[in-house]
Structure formats: structure tokens, C-alpha cells
PDB file of N, CA and C in Angstrom:
ATOM      1  N   MET A   1     -79.986 -20.209   6.080  1.00  0.00           N
ATOM      2  CA  MET A   1     -80.846 -20.696   5.046  1.00  0.00           C
ATOM      3  C   MET A   1     -80.587 -22.082   4.362  1.00  0.00           C
ATOM      4  N   LYS A   2     -81.671 -22.894   4.273  1.00  0.00           N
ATOM      5  CA  LYS A   2     -81.458 -24.031   3.625  1.00  0.00           C
ATOM      6  C   LYS A   2     -82.024 -24.082   2.278  1.00  0.00           C
ATOM      7  N   LYS A   3     -81.679 -24.943   1.502  1.00  0.00           N
ATOM      8  CA  LYS A   3     -82.293 -25.271   0.175  1.00  0.00           C
ATOM      9  C   LYS A   3     -83.368 -26.263   0.164  1.00  0.00           C
ATOM     10  N   VAL A   4     -84.361 -25.853  -0.514  1.00  0.00           N
ATOM     11  CA  VAL A   4     -85.547 -26.582  -0.599  1.00  0.00           C
ATOM     12  C   VAL A   4     -85.738 -27.499  -1.869  1.00  0.00           C
ATOM     13  N   LYS A   5     -85.985 -28.701  -1.814  1.00  0.00           N
ATOM     14  CA  LYS A   5     -86.184 -29.605  -2.793  1.00  0.00           C
ATOM     15  C   LYS A   5     -87.499 -29.528  -3.404  1.00  0.00           C
ATOM     16  N   ILE A   6     -87.751 -29.101  -4.747  1.00  0.00           N
ATOM     17  CA  ILE A   6     -89.034 -29.159  -5.300  1.00  0.00           C
ATOM     18  C   ILE A   6     -89.313 -30.283  -6.213  1.00  0.00           C
ATOM     19  N   THR A   7     -90.218 -31.330  -5.982  1.00  0.00           N
ATOM     20  CA  THR A   7     -90.246 -32.544  -6.942  1.00  0.00           C
ATOM     21  C   THR A   7     -91.720 -32.276  -7.496  1.00  0.00           C
ATOM     22  N   ILE A   8     -91.720 -32.416  -8.861  1.00  0.00           N
ATOM     23  CA  ILE A   8     -92.937 -32.394  -9.510  1.00  0.00           C
ATOM     24  C   ILE A   8     -93.621 -33.788  -9.318  1.00  0.00           C
ATOM     25  N   LEU A   9     -94.758 -33.909  -8.561  1.00  0.00           N
ATOM     26  CA  LEU A   9     -95.397 -35.153  -8.347  1.00  0.00           C
ATOM     27  C   LEU A   9     -96.389 -35.612  -9.534  1.00  0.00           C
ATOM     28  N   LYS A  10     -97.100 -34.612 -10.117  1.00  0.00           N
ATOM     29  CA  LYS A  10     -98.227 -34.932 -11.057  1.00  0.00           C
ATOM     30  C   LYS A  10     -98.434 -33.757 -11.895  1.00  0.00           C
ATOM     31  N   THR A  11     -98.755 -33.859 -13.372  1.00  0.00           N
ATOM     32  CA  THR A  11     -99.221 -32.936 -13.933  1.00  0.00           C
ATOM     33  C   THR A  11    -100.918 -33.362 -14.142  1.00  0.00           C
ATOM     34  N   THR A  12    -101.562 -32.345 -14.327  1.00  0.00           N
ATOM     35  CA  THR A  12    -103.048 -32.737 -14.417  1.00  0.00           C
ATOM     36  C   THR A  12    -103.959 -31.934 -15.401  1.00  0.00           C
ATOM     37  N   LEU A  13    -104.926 -32.360 -15.744  1.00  0.00           N
ATOM     38  CA  LEU A  13    -105.861 -31.756 -16.857  1.00  0.00           C
ATOM     39  C   LEU A  13    -107.286 -31.961 -16.212  1.00  0.00           C
ATOM     40  N   ASP A  14    -108.032 -30.959 -15.917  1.00  0.00           N
ATOM     41  CA  ASP A  14    -109.489 -31.234 -15.552  1.00  0.00           C
ATOM     42  C   ASP A  14    -110.136 -30.973 -16.812  1.00  0.00           C
ATOM     43  N   THR A  15    -110.414 -32.061 -17.440  1.00  0.00           N
ATOM     44  CA  THR A  15    -111.114 -32.358 -18.885  1.00  0.00           C
ATOM     45  C   THR A  15    -112.500 -31.728 -18.986  1.00  0.00           C
ATOM     46  N   GLU A  16    -113.271 -31.860 -17.768  1.00  0.00           N
ATOM     47  CA  GLU A  16    -114.520 -31.245 -17.765  1.00  0.00           C
ATOM     48  C   GLU A  16    -114.463 -29.695 -17.969  1.00  0.00           C
ATOM     49  N   LEU A  17    -113.536 -29.020 -17.028  1.00  0.00           N
ATOM     50  CA  LEU A  17    -113.426 -27.568 -17.017  1.00  0.00           C
ATOM     51  C   LEU A  17    -112.840 -27.215 -18.408  1.00  0.00           C
ATOM     52  N   ALA A  18    -111.692 -27.965 -18.781  1.00  0.00           N
ATOM     53  CA  ALA A  18    -110.996 -27.524 -19.984  1.00  0.00           C
ATOM     54  C   ALA A  18    -111.973 -27.598 -21.242  1.00  0.00           C
ATOM     55  N   ALA A  19    -112.709 -28.571 -21.230  1.00  0.00           N
ATOM     56  CA  ALA A  19    -113.822 -28.583 -22.328  1.00  0.00           C
ATOM     57  C   ALA A  19    -114.673 -27.324 -22.387  1.00  0.00           C
ATOM     58  N   GLU A  20    -115.308 -26.878 -21.221  1.00  0.00           N
ATOM     59  CA  GLU A  20    -116.026 -25.793 -21.010  1.00  0.00           C
ATOM     60  C   GLU A  20    -115.178 -24.417 -21.200  1.00  0.00           C
ATOM     61  N   TYR A  21    -114.009 -24.343 -20.722  1.00  0.00           N
ATOM     62  CA  TYR A  21    -113.315 -22.978 -20.685  1.00  0.00           C
ATOM     63  C   TYR A  21    -112.072 -22.965 -21.393  1.00  0.00           C
ATOM     64  N   GLY A  22    -111.401 -23.914 -21.683  1.00  0.00           N
ATOM     65  CA  GLY A  22    -110.055 -24.044 -22.339  1.00  0.00           C
ATOM     66  C   GLY A  22    -110.084 -23.881 -23.848  1.00  0.00           C
ATOM     67  N   VAL A  23    -108.832 -23.382 -24.315  1.00  0.00           N
ATOM     68  CA  VAL A  23    -108.763 -23.373 -25.741  1.00  0.00           C
ATOM     69  C   VAL A  23    -108.749 -24.760 -26.391  1.00  0.00           C
ATOM     70  N   GLU A  24    -108.930 -24.866 -27.684  1.00  0.00           N
ATOM     71  CA  GLU A  24    -108.860 -26.110 -28.334  1.00  0.00           C
ATOM     72  C   GLU A  24    -107.500 -26.732 -28.201  1.00  0.00           C
ATOM     73  N   GLY A  25    -107.558 -27.958 -27.713  1.00  0.00           N
ATOM     74  CA  GLY A  25    -106.314 -28.629 -28.021  1.00  0.00           C
ATOM     75  C   GLY A  25    -105.391 -28.534 -26.746  1.00  0.00           C
ATOM     76  N   LEU A  26    -106.065 -27.827 -25.460  1.00  0.00           N
ATOM     77  CA  LEU A  26    -105.268 -27.607 -24.148  1.00  0.00           C
ATOM     78  C   LEU A  26    -104.833 -29.026 -23.619  1.00  0.00           C
ATOM     79  N   THR A  27    -103.691 -29.103 -23.224  1.00  0.00           N
ATOM     80  CA  THR A  27    -103.051 -30.448 -22.633  1.00  0.00           C
ATOM     81  C   THR A  27    -102.533 -29.900 -21.209  1.00  0.00           C
ATOM     82  N   VAL A  28    -102.007 -30.837 -20.585  1.00  0.00           N
ATOM     83  CA  VAL A  28    -101.363 -30.675 -19.171  1.00  0.00           C
ATOM     84  C   VAL A  28    -100.196 -29.669 -19.489  1.00  0.00           C
ATOM     85  N   CYS A  29     -99.746 -28.926 -18.284  1.00  0.00           N
ATOM     86  CA  CYS A  29     -98.563 -28.141 -18.427  1.00  0.00           C
ATOM     87  C   CYS A  29     -97.404 -28.406 -19.213  1.00  0.00           C
ATOM     88  N   PRO A  30     -97.206 -27.551 -20.460  1.00  0.00           N
ATOM     89  CA  PRO A  30     -96.132 -27.838 -20.998  1.00  0.00           C
ATOM     90  C   PRO A  30     -94.726 -27.545 -20.534  1.00  0.00           C
ATOM     91  N   MET A  31     -94.647 -26.939 -19.390  1.00  0.00           N
ATOM     92  CA  MET A  31     -93.406 -26.474 -18.736  1.00  0.00           C
ATOM     93  C   MET A  31     -93.000 -27.445 -17.688  1.00  0.00           C
ATOM     94  N   MET A  32     -93.785 -28.115 -17.020  1.00  0.00           N
ATOM     95  CA  MET A  32     -93.285 -29.048 -16.028  1.00  0.00           C
ATOM     96  C   MET A  32     -93.700 -30.542 -16.351  1.00  0.00           C
ATOM     97  N   ALA A  33     -92.922 -31.359 -15.777  1.00  0.00           N
ATOM     98  CA  ALA A  33     -93.016 -32.790 -15.983  1.00  0.00           C
ATOM     99  C   ALA A  33     -92.932 -33.568 -14.830  1.00  0.00           C
ATOM    100  N   LYS A  34     -93.649 -34.711 -14.624  1.00  0.00           N
ATOM    101  CA  LYS A  34     -93.655 -35.436 -13.594  1.00  0.00           C
ATOM    102  C   LYS A  34     -92.239 -35.998 -13.240  1.00  0.00           C
ATOM    103  N   GLY A  35     -91.720 -35.859 -12.076  1.00  0.00           N
ATOM    104  CA  GLY A  35     -90.331 -36.240 -11.638  1.00  0.00           C
ATOM    105  C   GLY A  35     -89.236 -35.276 -11.835  1.00  0.00           C
ATOM    106  N   GLN A  36     -89.514 -34.189 -12.323  1.00  0.00           N
ATOM    107  CA  GLN A  36     -88.572 -32.995 -12.539  1.00  0.00           C
ATOM    108  C   GLN A  36     -88.216 -32.672 -10.987  1.00  0.00           C
ATOM    109  N   VAL A  37     -87.004 -32.235 -10.746  1.00  0.00           N
ATOM    110  CA  VAL A  37     -86.654 -31.779  -9.493  1.00  0.00           C
ATOM    111  C   VAL A  37     -85.966 -30.432  -9.594  1.00  0.00           C
ATOM    112  N   PHE A  38     -86.275 -29.592  -8.791  1.00  0.00           N
ATOM    113  CA  PHE A  38     -85.677 -28.070  -8.582  1.00  0.00           C
ATOM    114  C   PHE A  38     -85.249 -27.905  -7.084  1.00  0.00           C
ATOM    115  N   TYR A  39     -84.290 -27.058  -6.982  1.00  0.00           N
ATOM    116  CA  TYR A  39     -83.799 -26.624  -5.730  1.00  0.00           C
ATOM    117  C   TYR A  39     -83.926 -25.134  -5.617  1.00  0.00           C
ATOM    118  N   ALA A  40     -84.389 -24.644  -4.422  1.00  0.00           N
ATOM    119  CA  ALA A  40     -84.532 -23.130  -4.353  1.00  0.00           C
ATOM    120  C   ALA A  40     -84.325 -22.839  -3.117  1.00  0.00           C
ATOM    121  N   ASP A  41     -84.324 -21.481  -2.638  1.00  0.00           N
ATOM    122  CA  ASP A  41     -84.279 -20.880  -1.544  1.00  0.00           C
ATOM    123  C   ASP A  41     -85.177 -19.797  -1.394  1.00  0.00           C
ATOM    124  N   TYR A  42     -84.684 -18.674  -1.667  1.00  0.00           N
ATOM    125  CA  TYR A  42     -85.671 -17.283  -1.747  1.00  0.00           C
ATOM    126  C   TYR A  42     -85.853 -17.133  -3.298  1.00  0.00           C
ATOM    127  N   ALA A  43     -85.129 -17.664  -4.107  1.00  0.00           N
ATOM    128  CA  ALA A  43     -85.354 -17.161  -5.587  1.00  0.00           C
ATOM    129  C   ALA A  43     -85.813 -18.354  -6.293  1.00  0.00           C
ATOM    130  N   LYS A  44     -86.573 -18.065  -7.581  1.00  0.00           N
ATOM    131  CA  LYS A  44     -87.275 -19.117  -8.465  1.00  0.00           C
ATOM    132  C   LYS A  44     -86.078 -19.839  -9.320  1.00  0.00           C
ATOM    133  N   PRO A  45     -86.057 -21.033  -9.174  1.00  0.00           N
ATOM    134  CA  PRO A  45     -84.954 -21.643  -9.852  1.00  0.00           C
ATOM    135  C   PRO A  45     -85.147 -21.634 -11.429  1.00  0.00           C
ATOM    136  N   ASP A  46     -83.935 -21.744 -12.084  1.00  0.00           N
ATOM    137  CA  ASP A  46     -84.029 -21.538 -13.522  1.00  0.00           C
ATOM    138  C   ASP A  46     -84.916 -22.651 -14.127  1.00  0.00           C
ATOM    139  N   GLY A  47     -85.746 -22.366 -15.130  1.00  0.00           N
ATOM    140  CA  GLY A  47     -86.595 -23.164 -15.792  1.00  0.00           C
ATOM    141  C   GLY A  47     -87.884 -23.591 -15.060  1.00  0.00           C
ATOM    142  N   PHE A  48     -88.059 -22.912 -14.016  1.00  0.00           N
ATOM    143  CA  PHE A  48     -89.283 -23.136 -13.078  1.00  0.00           C
ATOM    144  C   PHE A  48     -90.364 -22.193 -13.755  1.00  0.00           C
ATOM    145  N   CYS A  49     -91.536 -22.651 -13.835  1.00  0.00           N
ATOM    146  CA  CYS A  49     -92.583 -21.620 -14.299  1.00  0.00           C
ATOM    147  C   CYS A  49     -92.908 -20.562 -13.202  1.00  0.00           C
ATOM    148  N   ASP A  50     -93.000 -19.232 -13.980  1.00  0.00           N
ATOM    149  CA  ASP A  50     -93.114 -18.082 -13.202  1.00  0.00           C
ATOM    150  C   ASP A  50     -94.501 -18.269 -12.317  1.00  0.00           C
ATOM    151  N   GLU A  51     -95.572 -18.673 -12.798  1.00  0.00           N
ATOM    152  CA  GLU A  51     -96.930 -18.831 -12.255  1.00  0.00           C
ATOM    153  C   GLU A  51     -96.843 -19.779 -11.150  1.00  0.00           C
ATOM    154  N   ALA A  52     -96.160 -20.930 -11.434  1.00  0.00           N
ATOM    155  CA  ALA A  52     -96.164 -21.941 -10.061  1.00  0.00           C
ATOM    156  C   ALA A  52     -95.281 -21.349  -9.173  1.00  0.00           C
ATOM    157  N   TRP A  53     -94.228 -20.520  -9.377  1.00  0.00           N
ATOM    158  CA  TRP A  53     -93.508 -20.050  -8.272  1.00  0.00           C
ATOM    159  C   TRP A  53     -94.197 -19.071  -7.571  1.00  0.00           C
ATOM    160  N   LYS A  54     -95.050 -18.320  -8.207  1.00  0.00           N
ATOM    161  CA  LYS A  54     -96.168 -17.343  -7.391  1.00  0.00           C
ATOM    162  C   LYS A  54     -96.885 -18.041  -6.326  1.00  0.00           C
ATOM    163  N   ALA A  55     -97.249 -19.249  -6.737  1.00  0.00           N
ATOM    164  CA  ALA A  55     -98.090 -20.023  -6.012  1.00  0.00           C
ATOM    165  C   ALA A  55     -97.315 -20.664  -4.604  1.00  0.00           C
ATOM    166  N   ILE A  56     -96.034 -20.942  -4.834  1.00  0.00           N
ATOM    167  CA  ILE A  56     -95.449 -21.636  -3.693  1.00  0.00           C
ATOM    168  C   ILE A  56     -94.164 -21.117  -3.007  1.00  0.00           C
ATOM    169  N   TYR A  57     -93.970 -20.013  -3.657  1.00  0.00           N
ATOM    170  CA  TYR A  57     -92.772 -19.248  -3.010  1.00  0.00           C
ATOM    171  C   TYR A  57     -92.724 -19.013  -1.539  1.00  0.00           C
ATOM    172  N   GLN A  58     -94.055 -18.655  -0.978  1.00  0.00           N
ATOM    173  CA  GLN A  58     -93.930 -18.396   0.648  1.00  0.00           C
ATOM    174  C   GLN A  58     -93.758 -19.718   1.245  1.00  0.00           C
ATOM    175  N   TYR A  59     -94.152 -21.001   0.758  1.00  0.00           N
ATOM    176  CA  TYR A  59     -93.947 -22.210   1.374  1.00  0.00           C
ATOM    177  C   TYR A  59     -92.353 -22.310   1.327  1.00  0.00           C
ATOM    178  N   VAL A  60     -91.656 -22.127   0.116  1.00  0.00           N
ATOM    179  CA  VAL A  60     -90.231 -22.362  -0.101  1.00  0.00           C
ATOM    180  C   VAL A  60     -89.621 -21.624   0.916  1.00  0.00           C
ATOM    181  N   PHE A  61     -90.038 -20.238   1.056  1.00  0.00           N
ATOM    182  CA  PHE A  61     -89.236 -19.248   1.940  1.00  0.00           C
ATOM    183  C   PHE A  61     -89.418 -19.867   3.469  1.00  0.00           C
ATOM    184  N   ALA A  62     -90.645 -20.072   3.644  1.00  0.00           N
ATOM    185  CA  ALA A  62     -90.871 -20.670   5.112  1.00  0.00           C
ATOM    186  C   ALA A  62     -89.870 -22.085   5.453  1.00  0.00           C
ATOM    187  N   LEU A  63     -89.904 -22.903   4.719  1.00  0.00           N
ATOM    188  CA  LEU A  63     -89.177 -24.265   4.751  1.00  0.00           C
ATOM    189  C   LEU A  63     -87.636 -23.762   4.625  1.00  0.00           C
ATOM    190  N   ALA A  64     -87.308 -22.954   3.937  1.00  0.00           N
ATOM    191  CA  ALA A  64     -85.764 -22.544   3.763  1.00  0.00           C
ATOM    192  C   ALA A  64     -85.268 -21.801   5.079  1.00  0.00           C
ATOM    193  N   HIS A  65     -86.301 -21.250   5.799  1.00  0.00           N
ATOM    194  CA  HIS A  65     -86.051 -20.537   6.941  1.00  0.00           C
ATOM    195  C   HIS A  65     -86.289 -21.146   8.381  1.00  0.00           C
ATOM    196  N   GLY A  66     -86.578 -22.381   8.208  1.00  0.00           N
ATOM    197  CA  GLY A  66     -86.716 -23.154   9.493  1.00  0.00           C
ATOM    198  C   GLY A  66     -87.946 -23.862   9.809  1.00  0.00           C
ATOM    199  N   ALA A  67     -89.063 -23.544   9.037  1.00  0.00           N
ATOM    200  CA  ALA A  67     -90.336 -24.159   9.130  1.00  0.00           C
ATOM    201  C   ALA A  67     -90.214 -25.755   9.279  1.00  0.00           C
ATOM    202  N   GLU A  68     -89.105 -26.379   8.836  1.00  0.00           N
ATOM    203  CA  GLU A  68     -89.064 -27.860   8.875  1.00  0.00           C
ATOM    204  C   GLU A  68     -89.278 -28.296  10.238  1.00  0.00           C
ATOM    205  N   LYS A  69     -89.106 -27.560  11.175  1.00  0.00           N
ATOM    206  CA  LYS A  69     -89.077 -27.836  12.708  1.00  0.00           C
ATOM    207  C   LYS A  69     -90.631 -28.225  13.039  1.00  0.00           C
ATOM    208  N   GLU A  70     -91.386 -27.451  12.248  1.00  0.00           N
ATOM    209  CA  GLU A  70     -92.865 -27.536  12.632  1.00  0.00           C
ATOM    210  C   GLU A  70     -93.732 -28.265  11.655  1.00  0.00           C
ATOM    211  N   VAL A  71     -94.855 -28.753  11.741  1.00  0.00           N
ATOM    212  CA  VAL A  71     -95.630 -29.408  10.849  1.00  0.00           C
ATOM    213  C   VAL A  71     -96.560 -28.109  10.273  1.00  0.00           C
ATOM    214  N   PHE A  72     -96.658 -27.870   9.088  1.00  0.00           N
ATOM    215  CA  PHE A  72     -97.603 -26.817   8.505  1.00  0.00           C
ATOM    216  C   PHE A  72     -98.984 -26.959   9.065  1.00  0.00           C
ATOM    217  N   TYR A  73     -99.542 -25.634   9.428  1.00  0.00           N
ATOM    218  CA  TYR A  73    -101.008 -25.561   9.601  1.00  0.00           C
ATOM    219  C   TYR A  73    -101.245 -26.424  10.827  1.00  0.00           C
ATOM    220  N   TYR A  74    -100.548 -26.572  11.878  1.00  0.00           N
ATOM    221  CA  TYR A  74    -100.793 -27.205  13.236  1.00  0.00           C
ATOM    222  C   TYR A  74    -101.084 -28.732  12.918  1.00  0.00           C
ATOM    223  N   GLY A  75    -100.671 -29.360  12.043  1.00  0.00           N
ATOM    224  CA  GLY A  75    -100.613 -30.674  11.815  1.00  0.00           C
ATOM    225  C   GLY A  75    -102.090 -31.095  11.266  1.00  0.00           C
ATOM    226  N   ASP A  76    -102.854 -30.312  10.657  1.00  0.00           N
ATOM    227  CA  ASP A  76    -104.129 -30.766  10.096  1.00  0.00           C
ATOM    228  C   ASP A  76    -103.959 -30.612   8.553  1.00  0.00           C
ATOM    229  N   TRP A  77    -102.724 -30.417   7.975  1.00  0.00           N
ATOM    230  CA  TRP A  77    -102.642 -30.770   6.653  1.00  0.00           C
ATOM    231  C   TRP A  77    -101.468 -31.632   6.069  1.00  0.00           C
ATOM    232  N   ILE A  78    -100.398 -31.408   6.615  1.00  0.00           N
ATOM    233  CA  ILE A  78     -99.199 -32.497   6.242  1.00  0.00           C
ATOM    234  C   ILE A  78     -98.708 -33.238   7.535  1.00  0.00           C
ATOM    235  N   LYS A  79     -98.563 -34.512   7.443  1.00  0.00           N
ATOM    236  CA  LYS A  79     -98.157 -35.089   8.760  1.00  0.00           C
ATOM    237  C   LYS A  79     -96.630 -35.265   8.893  1.00  0.00           C
ATOM    238  N   THR A  80     -95.783 -34.727   8.000  1.00  0.00           N
ATOM    239  CA  THR A  80     -94.500 -34.881   8.115  1.00  0.00           C
ATOM    240  C   THR A  80     -93.921 -33.439   8.118  1.00  0.00           C
ATOM    241  N   PRO A  81     -93.043 -33.188   9.194  1.00  0.00           N
ATOM    242  CA  PRO A  81     -92.471 -31.952   9.203  1.00  0.00           C
ATOM    243  C   PRO A  81     -91.420 -31.726   8.158  1.00  0.00           C
ATOM    244  N   GLY A  82     -91.289 -30.349   7.655  1.00  0.00           N
ATOM    245  CA  GLY A  82     -90.366 -30.181   6.381  1.00  0.00           C
ATOM    246  C   GLY A  82     -90.910 -30.526   4.958  1.00  0.00           C
ATOM    247  N   VAL A  83     -92.181 -30.944   5.012  1.00  0.00           N
ATOM    248  CA  VAL A  83     -92.703 -31.133   3.835  1.00  0.00           C
ATOM    249  C   VAL A  83     -94.079 -30.320   3.657  1.00  0.00           C
ATOM    250  N   ALA A  84     -94.090 -29.887   2.263  1.00  0.00           N
ATOM    251  CA  ALA A  84     -95.573 -29.239   1.939  1.00  0.00           C
ATOM    252  C   ALA A  84     -95.959 -29.857   0.450  1.00  0.00           C
ATOM    253  N   ILE A  85     -97.241 -30.173   0.179  1.00  0.00           N
ATOM    254  CA  ILE A  85     -97.751 -30.581  -1.085  1.00  0.00           C
ATOM    255  C   ILE A  85     -98.516 -29.365  -1.408  1.00  0.00           C
ATOM    256  N   CYS A  86     -98.010 -28.802  -2.618  1.00  0.00           N
ATOM    257  CA  CYS A  86     -98.694 -27.720  -3.183  1.00  0.00           C
ATOM    258  C   CYS A  86     -99.210 -27.775  -4.645  1.00  0.00           C
ATOM    259  N   SER A  87     -99.683 -26.841  -5.075  1.00  0.00           N
ATOM    260  CA  SER A  87    -100.108 -26.843  -6.694  1.00  0.00           C
ATOM    261  C   SER A  87    -100.021 -25.380  -7.180  1.00  0.00           C
ATOM    262  N   CYS A  88     -99.726 -25.431  -8.509  1.00  0.00           N
ATOM    263  CA  CYS A  88     -99.734 -24.082  -9.064  1.00  0.00           C
ATOM    264  C   CYS A  88    -101.234 -23.511  -9.265  1.00  0.00           C
ATOM    265  N   ASN A  89    -101.551 -22.322  -9.589  1.00  0.00           N
ATOM    266  CA  ASN A  89    -102.758 -21.744  -9.780  1.00  0.00           C
ATOM    267  C   ASN A  89    -103.434 -21.961 -10.958  1.00  0.00           C
ATOM    268  N   ASP A  90    -103.030 -22.728 -11.740  1.00  0.00           N
ATOM    269  CA  ASP A  90    -103.807 -23.052 -13.035  1.00  0.00           C
ATOM    270  C   ASP A  90    -104.998 -23.968 -12.690  1.00  0.00           C
ATOM    271  N   GLY A  91    -106.204 -23.360 -12.797  1.00  0.00           N
ATOM    272  CA  GLY A  91    -107.327 -24.177 -12.529  1.00  0.00           C
ATOM    273  C   GLY A  91    -107.826 -25.215 -13.529  1.00  0.00           C
ATOM    274  N   LEU A  92    -107.191 -25.144 -14.712  1.00  0.00           N
ATOM    275  CA  LEU A  92    -107.622 -26.178 -15.744  1.00  0.00           C
ATOM    276  C   LEU A  92    -106.346 -27.206 -15.816  1.00  0.00           C
ATOM    277  N   ARG A  93    -105.249 -26.968 -15.528  1.00  0.00           N
ATOM    278  CA  ARG A  93    -104.184 -28.046 -15.568  1.00  0.00           C
ATOM    279  C   ARG A  93    -103.142 -27.796 -14.414  1.00  0.00           C
ATOM    280  N   PRO A  94    -103.625 -28.016 -13.141  1.00  0.00           N
ATOM    281  CA  PRO A  94    -102.749 -27.713 -12.061  1.00  0.00           C
ATOM    282  C   PRO A  94    -101.633 -28.769 -12.005  1.00  0.00           C
ATOM    283  N   VAL A  95    -100.380 -28.221 -11.577  1.00  0.00           N
ATOM    284  CA  VAL A  95     -99.256 -29.232 -11.368  1.00  0.00           C
ATOM    285  C   VAL A  95     -99.086 -29.460  -9.745  1.00  0.00           C
ATOM    286  N   ILE A  96     -98.902 -30.587  -9.453  1.00  0.00           N
ATOM    287  CA  ILE A  96     -98.763 -30.802  -8.018  1.00  0.00           C
ATOM    288  C   ILE A  96     -97.293 -31.035  -7.736  1.00  0.00           C
ATOM    289  N   MET A  97     -96.866 -30.494  -6.539  1.00  0.00           N
ATOM    290  CA  MET A  97     -95.401 -30.264  -6.143  1.00  0.00           C
ATOM    291  C   MET A  97     -95.197 -30.727  -4.728  1.00  0.00           C
ATOM    292  N   LYS A  98     -94.063 -31.573  -4.467  1.00  0.00           N
ATOM    293  CA  LYS A  98     -93.890 -31.638  -3.131  1.00  0.00           C
ATOM    294  C   LYS A  98     -92.428 -30.906  -2.893  1.00  0.00           C
ATOM    295  N   LEU A  99     -92.700 -30.000  -1.719  1.00  0.00           N
ATOM    296  CA  LEU A  99     -91.575 -29.165  -1.281  1.00  0.00           C
ATOM    297  C   LEU A  99     -91.035 -29.978   0.115  1.00  0.00           C
ATOM    298  N   GLU A 100     -89.675 -30.044  -0.005  1.00  0.00           N
ATOM    299  CA  GLU A 100     -89.140 -30.589   1.366  1.00  0.00           C
ATOM    300  C   GLU A 100     -87.830 -29.927   1.646  1.00  0.00           C
ATOM    301  N   THR A 101     -87.734 -29.497   2.918  1.00  0.00           N
ATOM    302  CA  THR A 101     -86.241 -29.084   3.211  1.00  0.00           C
ATOM    303  C   THR A 101     -85.243 -29.919   3.177  1.00  0.00           C
ATOM    304  N   THR A 102     -84.158 -29.526   2.603  1.00  0.00           N
ATOM    305  CA  THR A 102     -82.773 -30.177   2.655  1.00  0.00           C
ATOM    306  C   THR A 102     -81.895 -29.981   3.836  1.00  0.00           C
ATOM    307  N   GLY A 103     -80.935 -30.594   4.010  1.00  0.00           N
ATOM    308  CA  GLY A 103     -79.654 -30.208   4.908  1.00  0.00           C
ATOM    309  C   GLY A 103     -78.798 -29.471   4.024  1.00  0.00           C
ATOM    310  N   GLU A 104     -78.975 -29.027   3.006  1.00  0.00           N
ATOM    311  CA  GLU A 104     -77.905 -28.182   2.307  1.00  0.00           C
ATOM    312  C   GLU A 104     -78.158 -26.834   2.474  1.00  0.00           C
ATOM    313  N   ILE A 105     -77.211 -26.108   2.997  1.00  0.00           N
ATOM    314  CA  ILE A 105     -77.108 -24.774   3.179  1.00  0.00           C
ATOM    315  C   ILE A 105     -77.142 -24.101   1.709  1.00  0.00           C
ATOM    316  N   SER A 106     -78.029 -22.907   1.765  1.00  0.00           N
ATOM    317  CA  SER A 106     -77.925 -21.959   0.647  1.00  0.00           C
ATOM    318  C   SER A 106     -76.635 -21.373   0.376  1.00  0.00           C
ATOM    319  N   GLU A 107     -76.457 -21.295  -0.878  1.00  0.00           N
ATOM    320  CA  GLU A 107     -74.933 -20.453  -1.450  1.00  0.00           C
ATOM    321  C   GLU A 107     -75.125 -19.111  -1.035  1.00  0.00           C
ATOM    322  N   THR A 108     -76.429 -18.712  -1.001  1.00  0.00           N
ATOM    323  CA  THR A 108     -76.662 -17.025  -0.909  1.00  0.00           C
ATOM    324  C   THR A 108     -76.651 -16.731   0.669  1.00  0.00           C
ATOM    325  N   ASP A 109     -76.404 -17.773   1.478  1.00  0.00           N
ATOM    326  CA  ASP A 109     -76.371 -17.588   2.984  1.00  0.00           C
ATOM    327  C   ASP A 109     -74.990 -17.943   3.467  1.00  0.00           C
ATOM    328  N   SER A 110     -73.973 -16.994   2.904  1.00  0.00           N
ATOM    329  CA  SER A 110     -72.646 -17.216   3.332  1.00  0.00           C
ATOM    330  C   SER A 110     -72.198 -16.357   4.479  1.00  0.00           C
ATOM    331  N   SER A 111     -72.997 -15.602   4.894  1.00  0.00           N
ATOM    332  CA  SER A 111     -72.551 -14.828   6.074  1.00  0.00           C
ATOM    333  C   SER A 111     -72.376 -15.551   7.379  1.00  0.00           C
ATOM    334  N   PRO A 112     -71.413 -15.103   8.029  1.00  0.00           N
ATOM    335  CA  PRO A 112     -70.778 -15.853   9.324  1.00  0.00           C
ATOM    336  C   PRO A 112     -72.043 -15.807  10.299  1.00  0.00           C
ATOM    337  N   VAL A 113     -72.365 -16.685  11.172  1.00  0.00           N
ATOM    338  CA  VAL A 113     -73.434 -16.710  12.387  1.00  0.00           C
ATOM    339  C   VAL A 113     -72.796 -15.816  13.459  1.00  0.00           C
ATOM    340  N   GLN A 114     -73.700 -15.015  14.069  1.00  0.00           N
ATOM    341  CA  GLN A 114     -73.249 -14.088  15.070  1.00  0.00           C
ATOM    342  C   GLN A 114     -73.828 -14.501  16.363  1.00  0.00           C
TER     343      GLN A 114
END
């Protein structure tokens, strides 16, 4: 199993939806910031938003277990193998993330190859 690099590309705020449905003073996500980098395999990285993890963990798991050899969704989504662009589930202030396979073996994957 390989580690997956998670880079925060963008934090957003849909001002139209936030004005209609959000609480007064709602801003972009307070937990994530553009440029932050996390590394994961099957477990949520320390300091990573729980809700964002729920939205992306299946992509992280797939990349950590070898999906880097294939392009996600038969090439109609991402053009580069080993990369996924995802967002969290917050409809008012989604955070956009880049997931990419690394060559680094996960520390949790210390069992010998059989």
C-alpha cells in the first residue's frame, strides 16, 4: 500500500447559496487552507476534516491500493493516472483537493510480500 498525497487546491464559498441558506457571517472552511498538504493511506490524517475525509476516503483507498495504474472513470474525468480531483460535501463552502499516489510505502504496510 502506498501513501497518497492530499493537497488543498482551493477553498470556496458559494455566496448566492450562503446568503439564502447559510448562517450570518459564514465564510470559507475554517479547517482547511489552500496549499495544505496531508498524507494518507487508509486512515484519516491528523488535522484533516472528518466530513472531507468521508467524501474522499474511497478515492484515497483506491489510489493507495494500486489505482494509480488506471485513469479514474475510464479517462472521462481525469487525464493523469494516479490523480483525482475531489471536493468535500459542504454545498455552501466546498474545499477542492488533489489526491495523488506517491512512491512512498505506507508504514502500516510492513508485512512481507508472499
